[in-house]
PDB file of N, CA and C in Angstrom:
ATOM      1  N   UNK A   1      37.149 -14.712 -20.849  1.00  0.00           N
ATOM      2  CA  UNK A   1      36.536 -13.787 -19.931  1.00  0.00           C
ATOM      3  C   UNK A   1      35.689 -14.572 -18.934  1.00  0.00           C
ATOM      4  N   UNK A   2      35.856 -14.237 -17.657  1.00  0.00           N
ATOM      5  CA  UNK A   2      35.107 -14.922 -16.612  1.00  0.00           C
ATOM      6  C   UNK A   2      33.725 -14.299 -16.480  1.00  0.00           C
ATOM      7  N   UNK A   3      32.736 -15.143 -16.202  1.00  0.00           N
ATOM      8  CA  UNK A   3      31.360 -14.688 -16.025  1.00  0.00           C
ATOM      9  C   UNK A   3      30.954 -14.965 -14.588  1.00  0.00           C
ATOM     10  N   UNK A   4      30.407 -13.959 -13.941  1.00  0.00           N
ATOM     11  CA  UNK A   4      29.957 -14.091 -12.566  1.00  0.00           C
ATOM     12  C   UNK A   4      28.457 -13.893 -12.512  1.00  0.00           C
ATOM     13  N   UNK A   5      27.807 -14.676 -11.677  1.00  0.00           N
ATOM     14  CA  UNK A   5      26.388 -14.479 -11.456  1.00  0.00           C
ATOM     15  C   UNK A   5      26.193 -13.308 -10.502  1.00  0.00           C
ATOM     16  N   UNK A   6      25.264 -12.435 -10.859  1.00  0.00           N
ATOM     17  CA  UNK A   6      24.960 -11.287 -10.019  1.00  0.00           C
ATOM     18  C   UNK A   6      23.708 -11.615  -9.217  1.00  0.00           C
ATOM     19  N   UNK A   7      23.811 -11.618  -7.896  1.00  0.00           N
ATOM     20  CA  UNK A   7      22.615 -11.927  -7.095  1.00  0.00           C
ATOM     21  C   UNK A   7      21.592 -10.803  -7.211  1.00  0.00           C
ATOM     22  N   UNK A   8      20.347 -11.184  -7.414  1.00  0.00           N
ATOM     23  CA  UNK A   8      19.279 -10.212  -7.547  1.00  0.00           C
ATOM     24  C   UNK A   8      18.075 -10.743  -6.797  1.00  0.00           C
ATOM     25  N   UNK A   9      17.631  -9.985  -5.816  1.00  0.00           N
ATOM     26  CA  UNK A   9      16.507 -10.410  -4.990  1.00  0.00           C
ATOM     27  C   UNK A   9      15.235  -9.734  -5.491  1.00  0.00           C
ATOM     28  N   UNK A  10      14.306 -10.523  -6.010  1.00  0.00           N
ATOM     29  CA  UNK A  10      13.069  -9.979  -6.559  1.00  0.00           C
ATOM     30  C   UNK A  10      12.044  -9.672  -5.462  1.00  0.00           C
ATOM     31  N   UNK A  11      12.216 -10.224  -4.284  1.00  0.00           N
ATOM     32  CA  UNK A  11      11.222 -10.058  -3.230  1.00  0.00           C
ATOM     33  C   UNK A  11      11.395  -8.769  -2.445  1.00  0.00           C
ATOM     34  N   UNK A  12      12.551  -8.166  -2.493  1.00  0.00           N
ATOM     35  CA  UNK A  12      12.819  -6.970  -1.703  1.00  0.00           C
ATOM     36  C   UNK A  12      13.082  -5.781  -2.603  1.00  0.00           C
ATOM     37  N   UNK A  13      12.687  -4.625  -2.120  1.00  0.00           N
ATOM     38  CA  UNK A  13      12.938  -3.396  -2.864  1.00  0.00           C
ATOM     39  C   UNK A  13      14.371  -2.933  -2.624  1.00  0.00           C
ATOM     40  N   UNK A  14      14.886  -2.210  -3.585  1.00  0.00           N
ATOM     41  CA  UNK A  14      16.228  -1.680  -3.447  1.00  0.00           C
ATOM     42  C   UNK A  14      16.202  -0.489  -2.494  1.00  0.00           C
ATOM     43  N   UNK A  15      17.045  -0.532  -1.490  1.00  0.00           N
ATOM     44  CA  UNK A  15      17.104   0.534  -0.481  1.00  0.00           C
ATOM     45  C   UNK A  15      18.029   1.630  -1.002  1.00  0.00           C
ATOM     46  N   UNK A  16      17.436   2.722  -1.427  1.00  0.00           N
ATOM     47  CA  UNK A  16      18.183   3.792  -2.078  1.00  0.00           C
ATOM     48  C   UNK A  16      18.636   4.858  -1.081  1.00  0.00           C
ATOM     49  N   UNK A  17      17.768   5.237  -0.160  1.00  0.00           N
ATOM     50  CA  UNK A  17      18.029   6.362   0.732  1.00  0.00           C
ATOM     51  C   UNK A  17      18.635   5.876   2.046  1.00  0.00           C
ATOM     52  N   UNK A  18      19.931   6.066   2.185  1.00  0.00           N
ATOM     53  CA  UNK A  18      20.638   5.707   3.404  1.00  0.00           C
ATOM     54  C   UNK A  18      20.754   4.210   3.635  1.00  0.00           C
ATOM     55  N   UNK A  19      20.393   3.414   2.674  1.00  0.00           N
ATOM     56  CA  UNK A  19      20.444   1.970   2.838  1.00  0.00           C
ATOM     57  C   UNK A  19      19.286   1.416   3.655  1.00  0.00           C
ATOM     58  N   UNK A  20      18.339   2.285   4.036  1.00  0.00           N
ATOM     59  CA  UNK A  20      17.225   1.860   4.876  1.00  0.00           C
ATOM     60  C   UNK A  20      15.864   2.018   4.210  1.00  0.00           C
ATOM     61  N   UNK A  21      15.722   3.024   3.336  1.00  0.00           N
ATOM     62  CA  UNK A  21      14.417   3.344   2.765  1.00  0.00           C
ATOM     63  C   UNK A  21      14.432   3.207   1.245  1.00  0.00           C
ATOM     64  N   UNK A  22      13.357   2.657   0.719  1.00  0.00           N
ATOM     65  CA  UNK A  22      13.213   2.563  -0.731  1.00  0.00           C
ATOM     66  C   UNK A  22      12.533   3.830  -1.244  1.00  0.00           C
ATOM     67  N   UNK A  23      12.475   3.967  -2.557  1.00  0.00           N
ATOM     68  CA  UNK A  23      11.851   5.137  -3.160  1.00  0.00           C
ATOM     69  C   UNK A  23      10.369   5.198  -2.817  1.00  0.00           C
ATOM     70  N   UNK A  24       9.700   4.064  -2.802  1.00  0.00           N
ATOM     71  CA  UNK A  24       8.277   3.999  -2.462  1.00  0.00           C
ATOM     72  C   UNK A  24       8.048   4.495  -1.037  1.00  0.00           C
ATOM     73  N   UNK A  25       8.891   4.071  -0.110  1.00  0.00           N
ATOM     74  CA  UNK A  25       8.751   4.484   1.280  1.00  0.00           C
ATOM     75  C   UNK A  25       8.984   5.980   1.444  1.00  0.00           C
ATOM     76  N   UNK A  26       9.958   6.532   0.742  1.00  0.00           N
ATOM     77  CA  UNK A  26      10.250   7.961   0.853  1.00  0.00           C
ATOM     78  C   UNK A  26       9.091   8.787   0.311  1.00  0.00           C
ATOM     79  N   UNK A  27       8.478   8.340  -0.783  1.00  0.00           N
ATOM     80  CA  UNK A  27       7.339   9.070  -1.342  1.00  0.00           C
ATOM     81  C   UNK A  27       6.174   9.064  -0.362  1.00  0.00           C
ATOM     82  N   UNK A  28       5.880   7.921   0.243  1.00  0.00           N
ATOM     83  CA  UNK A  28       4.796   7.862   1.221  1.00  0.00           C
ATOM     84  C   UNK A  28       5.105   8.700   2.463  1.00  0.00           C
ATOM     85  N   UNK A  29       6.357   8.733   2.885  1.00  0.00           N
ATOM     86  CA  UNK A  29       6.721   9.577   4.028  1.00  0.00           C
ATOM     87  C   UNK A  29       6.591  11.057   3.699  1.00  0.00           C
ATOM     88  N   UNK A  30       6.911  11.442   2.464  1.00  0.00           N
ATOM     89  CA  UNK A  30       6.730  12.834   2.057  1.00  0.00           C
ATOM     90  C   UNK A  30       5.248  13.194   2.019  1.00  0.00           C
ATOM     91  N   UNK A  31       4.398  12.273   1.573  1.00  0.00           N
ATOM     92  CA  UNK A  31       2.960  12.530   1.581  1.00  0.00           C
ATOM     93  C   UNK A  31       2.424  12.650   3.011  1.00  0.00           C
ATOM     94  N   UNK A  32       2.946  11.831   3.909  1.00  0.00           N
ATOM     95  CA  UNK A  32       2.505  11.901   5.307  1.00  0.00           C
ATOM     96  C   UNK A  32       2.893  13.233   5.939  1.00  0.00           C
ATOM     97  N   UNK A  33       4.098  13.693   5.668  1.00  0.00           N
ATOM     98  CA  UNK A  33       4.526  14.971   6.263  1.00  0.00           C
ATOM     99  C   UNK A  33       3.876  16.162   5.571  1.00  0.00           C
ATOM    100  N   UNK A  34       3.533  16.022   4.295  1.00  0.00           N
ATOM    101  CA  UNK A  34       2.878  17.140   3.614  1.00  0.00           C
ATOM    102  C   UNK A  34       1.440  17.329   4.082  1.00  0.00           C
ATOM    103  N   UNK A  35       0.882  16.331   4.754  1.00  0.00           N
ATOM    104  CA  UNK A  35      -0.468  16.496   5.296  1.00  0.00           C
ATOM    105  C   UNK A  35      -0.481  17.525   6.426  1.00  0.00           C
ATOM    106  N   UNK A  36       0.676  17.853   6.963  1.00  0.00           N
ATOM    107  CA  UNK A  36       0.748  18.886   8.002  1.00  0.00           C
ATOM    108  C   UNK A  36       0.389  20.264   7.465  1.00  0.00           C
ATOM    109  N   UNK A  37       0.394  20.418   6.161  1.00  0.00           N
ATOM    110  CA  UNK A  37       0.026  21.697   5.556  1.00  0.00           C
ATOM    111  C   UNK A  37      -1.445  22.005   5.780  1.00  0.00           C
ATOM    112  N   UNK A  38      -2.233  21.012   6.160  1.00  0.00           N
ATOM    113  CA  UNK A  38      -3.649  21.250   6.430  1.00  0.00           C
ATOM    114  C   UNK A  38      -3.866  22.136   7.653  1.00  0.00           C
ATOM    115  N   UNK A  39      -2.852  22.275   8.483  1.00  0.00           N
ATOM    116  CA  UNK A  39      -2.989  23.143   9.652  1.00  0.00           C
ATOM    117  C   UNK A  39      -3.108  24.619   9.258  1.00  0.00           C
ATOM    118  N   UNK A  40      -2.809  24.946   8.016  1.00  0.00           N
ATOM    119  CA  UNK A  40      -2.928  26.330   7.550  1.00  0.00           C
ATOM    120  C   UNK A  40      -4.372  26.693   7.237  1.00  0.00           C
ATOM    121  N   UNK A  41      -5.257  25.698   7.143  1.00  0.00           N
ATOM    122  CA  UNK A  41      -6.669  25.961   6.839  1.00  0.00           C
ATOM    123  C   UNK A  41      -7.350  26.499   8.103  1.00  0.00           C
ATOM    124  N   UNK A  42      -8.120  27.573   7.956  1.00  0.00           N
ATOM    125  CA  UNK A  42      -8.745  28.171   9.148  1.00  0.00           C
ATOM    126  C   UNK A  42     -10.036  27.459   9.582  1.00  0.00           C
ATOM    127  N   UNK A  43      -9.902  26.229  10.040  1.00  0.00           N
ATOM    128  CA  UNK A  43     -11.029  25.498  10.611  1.00  0.00           C
ATOM    129  C   UNK A  43     -10.614  25.151  12.049  1.00  0.00           C
ATOM    130  N   UNK A  44     -11.473  24.463  12.738  1.00  0.00           N
ATOM    131  CA  UNK A  44     -11.159  24.051  14.093  1.00  0.00           C
ATOM    132  C   UNK A  44      -9.907  23.165  14.096  1.00  0.00           C
ATOM    133  N   UNK A  45      -9.001  23.455  14.993  1.00  0.00           N
ATOM    134  CA  UNK A  45      -7.735  22.703  15.049  1.00  0.00           C
ATOM    135  C   UNK A  45      -7.958  21.239  15.428  1.00  0.00           C
ATOM    136  N   UNK A  46      -9.004  20.951  16.182  1.00  0.00           N
ATOM    137  CA  UNK A  46      -9.293  19.578  16.570  1.00  0.00           C
ATOM    138  C   UNK A  46      -9.705  18.737  15.362  1.00  0.00           C
ATOM    139  N   UNK A  47     -10.524  19.302  14.496  1.00  0.00           N
ATOM    140  CA  UNK A  47     -10.948  18.593  13.271  1.00  0.00           C
ATOM    141  C   UNK A  47      -9.742  18.343  12.381  1.00  0.00           C
ATOM    142  N   UNK A  48      -8.931  19.367  12.213  1.00  0.00           N
ATOM    143  CA  UNK A  48      -7.739  19.221  11.362  1.00  0.00           C
ATOM    144  C   UNK A  48      -6.779  18.206  11.961  1.00  0.00           C
ATOM    145  N   UNK A  49      -6.663  18.175  13.290  1.00  0.00           N
ATOM    146  CA  UNK A  49      -5.778  17.211  13.935  1.00  0.00           C
ATOM    147  C   UNK A  49      -6.211  15.776  13.625  1.00  0.00           C
ATOM    148  N   UNK A  50      -7.520  15.504  13.701  1.00  0.00           N
ATOM    149  CA  UNK A  50      -8.001  14.164  13.381  1.00  0.00           C
ATOM    150  C   UNK A  50      -7.765  13.810  11.909  1.00  0.00           C
ATOM    151  N   UNK A  51      -7.974  14.771  11.018  1.00  0.00           N
ATOM    152  CA  UNK A  51      -7.744  14.522   9.588  1.00  0.00           C
ATOM    153  C   UNK A  51      -6.272  14.256   9.322  1.00  0.00           C
ATOM    154  N   UNK A  52      -5.400  15.075   9.904  1.00  0.00           N
ATOM    155  CA  UNK A  52      -3.952  14.894   9.707  1.00  0.00           C
ATOM    156  C   UNK A  52      -3.492  13.555  10.287  1.00  0.00           C
ATOM    157  N   UNK A  53      -4.002  13.194  11.458  1.00  0.00           N
ATOM    158  CA  UNK A  53      -3.633  11.902  12.041  1.00  0.00           C
ATOM    159  C   UNK A  53      -4.082  10.738  11.161  1.00  0.00           C
ATOM    160  N   UNK A  54      -5.284  10.817  10.628  1.00  0.00           N
ATOM    161  CA  UNK A  54      -5.778   9.740   9.765  1.00  0.00           C
ATOM    162  C   UNK A  54      -4.939   9.612   8.500  1.00  0.00           C
ATOM    163  N   UNK A  55      -4.644  10.741   7.870  1.00  0.00           N
ATOM    164  CA  UNK A  55      -3.840  10.715   6.641  1.00  0.00           C
ATOM    165  C   UNK A  55      -2.432  10.224   6.942  1.00  0.00           C
ATOM    166  N   UNK A  56      -1.831  10.724   8.008  1.00  0.00           N
ATOM    167  CA  UNK A  56      -0.462  10.326   8.347  1.00  0.00           C
ATOM    168  C   UNK A  56      -0.373   8.844   8.696  1.00  0.00           C
ATOM    169  N   UNK A  57      -1.334   8.346   9.459  1.00  0.00           N
ATOM    170  CA  UNK A  57      -1.317   6.923   9.813  1.00  0.00           C
ATOM    171  C   UNK A  57      -1.480   6.059   8.581  1.00  0.00           C
ATOM    172  N   UNK A  58      -2.367   6.466   7.667  1.00  0.00           N
ATOM    173  CA  UNK A  58      -2.549   5.696   6.428  1.00  0.00           C
ATOM    174  C   UNK A  58      -1.250   5.636   5.627  1.00  0.00           C
ATOM    175  N   UNK A  59      -0.587   6.774   5.436  1.00  0.00           N
ATOM    176  CA  UNK A  59       0.642   6.787   4.651  1.00  0.00           C
ATOM    177  C   UNK A  59       1.796   6.088   5.369  1.00  0.00           C
ATOM    178  N   UNK A  60       1.842   6.153   6.689  1.00  0.00           N
ATOM    179  CA  UNK A  60       2.868   5.406   7.421  1.00  0.00           C
ATOM    180  C   UNK A  60       2.638   3.900   7.286  1.00  0.00           C
ATOM    181  N   UNK A  61       1.377   3.480   7.327  1.00  0.00           N
ATOM    182  CA  UNK A  61       1.078   2.065   7.087  1.00  0.00           C
ATOM    183  C   UNK A  61       1.502   1.656   5.679  1.00  0.00           C
ATOM    184  N   UNK A  62       1.232   2.523   4.709  1.00  0.00           N
ATOM    185  CA  UNK A  62       1.609   2.208   3.330  1.00  0.00           C
ATOM    186  C   UNK A  62       3.118   2.102   3.162  1.00  0.00           C
ATOM    187  N   UNK A  63       3.866   2.860   3.933  1.00  0.00           N
ATOM    188  CA  UNK A  63       5.310   2.836   3.734  1.00  0.00           C
ATOM    189  C   UNK A  63       6.005   1.707   4.497  1.00  0.00           C
ATOM    190  N   UNK A  64       5.495   1.302   5.667  1.00  0.00           N
ATOM    191  CA  UNK A  64       6.243   0.339   6.471  1.00  0.00           C
ATOM    192  C   UNK A  64       5.543  -0.985   6.758  1.00  0.00           C
ATOM    193  N   UNK A  65       4.226  -1.036   6.768  1.00  0.00           N
ATOM    194  CA  UNK A  65       3.495  -2.218   7.212  1.00  0.00           C
ATOM    195  C   UNK A  65       3.360  -3.240   6.089  1.00  0.00           C
ATOM    196  N   UNK A  66       3.558  -4.513   6.441  1.00  0.00           N
ATOM    197  CA  UNK A  66       3.390  -5.606   5.485  1.00  0.00           C
ATOM    198  C   UNK A  66       2.384  -6.606   6.029  1.00  0.00           C
ATOM    199  N   UNK A  67       1.579  -7.138   5.148  1.00  0.00           N
ATOM    200  CA  UNK A  67       0.646  -8.206   5.487  1.00  0.00           C
ATOM    201  C   UNK A  67       1.134  -9.437   4.741  1.00  0.00           C
ATOM    202  N   UNK A  68       1.675 -10.385   5.482  1.00  0.00           N
ATOM    203  CA  UNK A  68       2.327 -11.522   4.837  1.00  0.00           C
ATOM    204  C   UNK A  68       3.593 -11.031   4.165  1.00  0.00           C
ATOM    205  N   UNK A  69       3.695 -11.254   2.875  1.00  0.00           N
ATOM    206  CA  UNK A  69       4.829 -10.759   2.092  1.00  0.00           C
ATOM    207  C   UNK A  69       4.441  -9.564   1.244  1.00  0.00           C
ATOM    208  N   UNK A  70       3.229  -9.052   1.407  1.00  0.00           N
ATOM    209  CA  UNK A  70       2.717  -8.003   0.550  1.00  0.00           C
ATOM    210  C   UNK A  70       2.663  -6.677   1.302  1.00  0.00           C
ATOM    211  N   UNK A  71       3.096  -5.616   0.632  1.00  0.00           N
ATOM    212  CA  UNK A  71       3.055  -4.286   1.237  1.00  0.00           C
ATOM    213  C   UNK A  71       1.610  -3.846   1.431  1.00  0.00           C
ATOM    214  N   UNK A  72       1.383  -2.990   2.425  1.00  0.00           N
ATOM    215  CA  UNK A  72       0.032  -2.567   2.767  1.00  0.00           C
ATOM    216  C   UNK A  72      -0.625  -1.794   1.629  1.00  0.00           C
ATOM    217  N   UNK A  73       0.141  -0.991   0.882  1.00  0.00           N
ATOM    218  CA  UNK A  73      -0.468  -0.214  -0.189  1.00  0.00           C
ATOM    219  C   UNK A  73      -1.042  -1.115  -1.278  1.00  0.00           C
ATOM    220  N   UNK A  74      -0.313  -2.154  -1.662  1.00  0.00           N
ATOM    221  CA  UNK A  74      -0.840  -3.095  -2.651  1.00  0.00           C
ATOM    222  C   UNK A  74      -2.045  -3.836  -2.091  1.00  0.00           C
ATOM    223  N   UNK A  75      -1.955  -4.257  -0.842  1.00  0.00           N
ATOM    224  CA  UNK A  75      -3.064  -4.968  -0.212  1.00  0.00           C
ATOM    225  C   UNK A  75      -4.310  -4.088  -0.159  1.00  0.00           C
ATOM    226  N   UNK A  76      -4.148  -2.815   0.185  1.00  0.00           N
ATOM    227  CA  UNK A  76      -5.269  -1.885   0.269  1.00  0.00           C
ATOM    228  C   UNK A  76      -5.914  -1.674  -1.095  1.00  0.00           C
ATOM    229  N   UNK A  77      -5.089  -1.450  -2.122  1.00  0.00           N
ATOM    230  CA  UNK A  77      -5.655  -1.207  -3.444  1.00  0.00           C
ATOM    231  C   UNK A  77      -6.296  -2.467  -4.018  1.00  0.00           C
ATOM    232  N   UNK A  78      -5.760  -3.641  -3.728  1.00  0.00           N
ATOM    233  CA  UNK A  78      -6.404  -4.882  -4.162  1.00  0.00           C
ATOM    234  C   UNK A  78      -7.734  -5.081  -3.442  1.00  0.00           C
ATOM    235  N   UNK A  79      -7.817  -4.701  -2.170  1.00  0.00           N
ATOM    236  CA  UNK A  79      -9.076  -4.819  -1.420  1.00  0.00           C
ATOM    237  C   UNK A  79     -10.125  -3.868  -1.986  1.00  0.00           C
ATOM    238  N   UNK A  80      -9.734  -2.640  -2.312  1.00  0.00           N
ATOM    239  CA  UNK A  80     -10.667  -1.688  -2.914  1.00  0.00           C
ATOM    240  C   UNK A  80     -11.130  -2.193  -4.275  1.00  0.00           C
ATOM    241  N   UNK A  81     -10.200  -2.726  -5.049  1.00  0.00           N
ATOM    242  CA  UNK A  81     -10.544  -3.261  -6.362  1.00  0.00           C
ATOM    243  C   UNK A  81     -11.529  -4.422  -6.224  1.00  0.00           C
ATOM    244  N   UNK A  82     -11.335  -5.269  -5.240  1.00  0.00           N
ATOM    245  CA  UNK A  82     -12.235  -6.388  -5.003  1.00  0.00           C
ATOM    246  C   UNK A  82     -13.627  -5.906  -4.605  1.00  0.00           C
ATOM    247  N   UNK A  83     -13.689  -4.883  -3.765  1.00  0.00           N
ATOM    248  CA  UNK A  83     -14.983  -4.393  -3.302  1.00  0.00           C
ATOM    249  C   UNK A  83     -15.821  -3.776  -4.414  1.00  0.00           C
ATOM    250  N   UNK A  84     -15.168  -3.124  -5.371  1.00  0.00           N
ATOM    251  CA  UNK A  84     -15.908  -2.395  -6.396  1.00  0.00           C
ATOM    252  C   UNK A  84     -16.034  -3.119  -7.727  1.00  0.00           C
ATOM    253  N   UNK A  85     -15.433  -4.271  -7.867  1.00  0.00           N
ATOM    254  CA  UNK A  85     -15.573  -4.957  -9.150  1.00  0.00           C
ATOM    255  C   UNK A  85     -16.890  -5.714  -9.201  1.00  0.00           C
ATOM    256  N   UNK A  86     -17.284  -6.032 -10.412  1.00  0.00           N
ATOM    257  CA  UNK A  86     -18.527  -6.759 -10.616  1.00  0.00           C
ATOM    258  C   UNK A  86     -18.298  -8.227 -10.266  1.00  0.00           C
ATOM    259  N   UNK A  87     -19.224  -8.763  -9.500  1.00  0.00           N
ATOM    260  CA  UNK A  87     -19.101 -10.153  -9.083  1.00  0.00           C
ATOM    261  C   UNK A  87     -20.276 -10.932  -9.652  1.00  0.00           C
ATOM    262  N   UNK A  88     -20.000 -11.886 -10.495  1.00  0.00           N
ATOM    263  CA  UNK A  88     -21.025 -12.749 -11.056  1.00  0.00           C
ATOM    264  C   UNK A  88     -20.825 -14.153 -10.530  1.00  0.00           C
ATOM    265  N   UNK A  89     -21.857 -14.688  -9.939  1.00  0.00           N
ATOM    266  CA  UNK A  89     -21.808 -16.050  -9.446  1.00  0.00           C
ATOM    267  C   UNK A  89     -22.816 -16.863 -10.251  1.00  0.00           C
ATOM    268  N   UNK A  90     -22.323 -17.864 -10.949  1.00  0.00           N
ATOM    269  CA  UNK A  90     -23.170 -18.693 -11.791  1.00  0.00           C
ATOM    270  C   UNK A  90     -23.271 -20.061 -11.138  1.00  0.00           C
ATOM    271  N   UNK A  91     -24.510 -20.483 -10.917  1.00  0.00           N
ATOM    272  CA  UNK A  91     -24.725 -21.799 -10.336  1.00  0.00           C
ATOM    273  C   UNK A  91     -24.856 -22.799 -11.459  1.00  0.00           C
ATOM    274  N   UNK A  92     -24.004 -23.796 -11.419  1.00  0.00           N
ATOM    275  CA  UNK A  92     -24.062 -24.886 -12.401  1.00  0.00           C
ATOM    276  C   UNK A  92     -24.147 -26.180 -11.647  1.00  0.00           C
ATOM    277  N   UNK A  93     -25.042 -26.977 -12.096  1.00  0.00           N
ATOM    278  CA  UNK A  93     -25.194 -28.275 -11.469  1.00  0.00           C
ATOM    279  C   UNK A  93     -24.103 -29.211 -11.979  1.00  0.00           C
ATOM    280  N   UNK A  94     -23.507 -29.921 -11.085  1.00  0.00           N
ATOM    281  CA  UNK A  94     -22.480 -30.837 -11.497  1.00  0.00           C
ATOM    282  C   UNK A  94     -22.619 -32.113 -10.693  1.00  0.00           C
ATOM    283  N   UNK A  95     -22.007 -33.129 -11.177  1.00  0.00           N
ATOM    284  CA  UNK A  95     -22.049 -34.387 -10.437  1.00  0.00           C
ATOM    285  C   UNK A  95     -22.847 -35.454 -11.159  1.00  0.00           C
ATOM    286  N   UNK A  96     -23.353 -36.363 -10.382  1.00  0.00           N
ATOM    287  CA  UNK A  96     -24.017 -37.551 -10.884  1.00  0.00           C
ATOM    288  C   UNK A  96     -25.326 -37.262 -11.602  1.00  0.00           C
ATOM    289  N   UNK A  97     -26.079 -36.235 -11.197  1.00  0.00           N
ATOM    290  CA  UNK A  97     -27.402 -35.995 -11.727  1.00  0.00           C
ATOM    291  C   UNK A  97     -27.416 -34.999 -12.858  1.00  0.00           C
ATOM    292  N   UNK A  98     -26.272 -34.657 -13.386  1.00  0.00           N
ATOM    293  CA  UNK A  98     -26.194 -33.673 -14.453  1.00  0.00           C
ATOM    294  C   UNK A  98     -26.725 -34.235 -15.768  1.00  0.00           C
ATOM    295  N   UNK A  99     -27.471 -33.443 -16.531  1.00  0.00           N
ATOM    296  CA  UNK A  99     -27.993 -33.893 -17.824  1.00  0.00           C
ATOM    297  C   UNK A  99     -27.329 -33.183 -18.950  1.00  0.00           C
TER     298      UNK A  99
END
């Protein structure tokens, strides 16, 4: 029996929808479009427009924008994690004068 190597790219997501979009991208696009439901709330349309634009831009960035080789959603959550984690800096003397 012949054995063939199957190419597998770990750096790219599998494009499931139409060969262009991955599952992660489709979920973020659905979240961006579902933010339009906020227009049903009886508040000023200008306020809702700014909220919908902010939410939609965030989810569009999460679905398509990359920083280096990393997707924006991972980069954003790592930045939030960095901001809120405990940071301990310990000063230790090192070098020639250490006892």
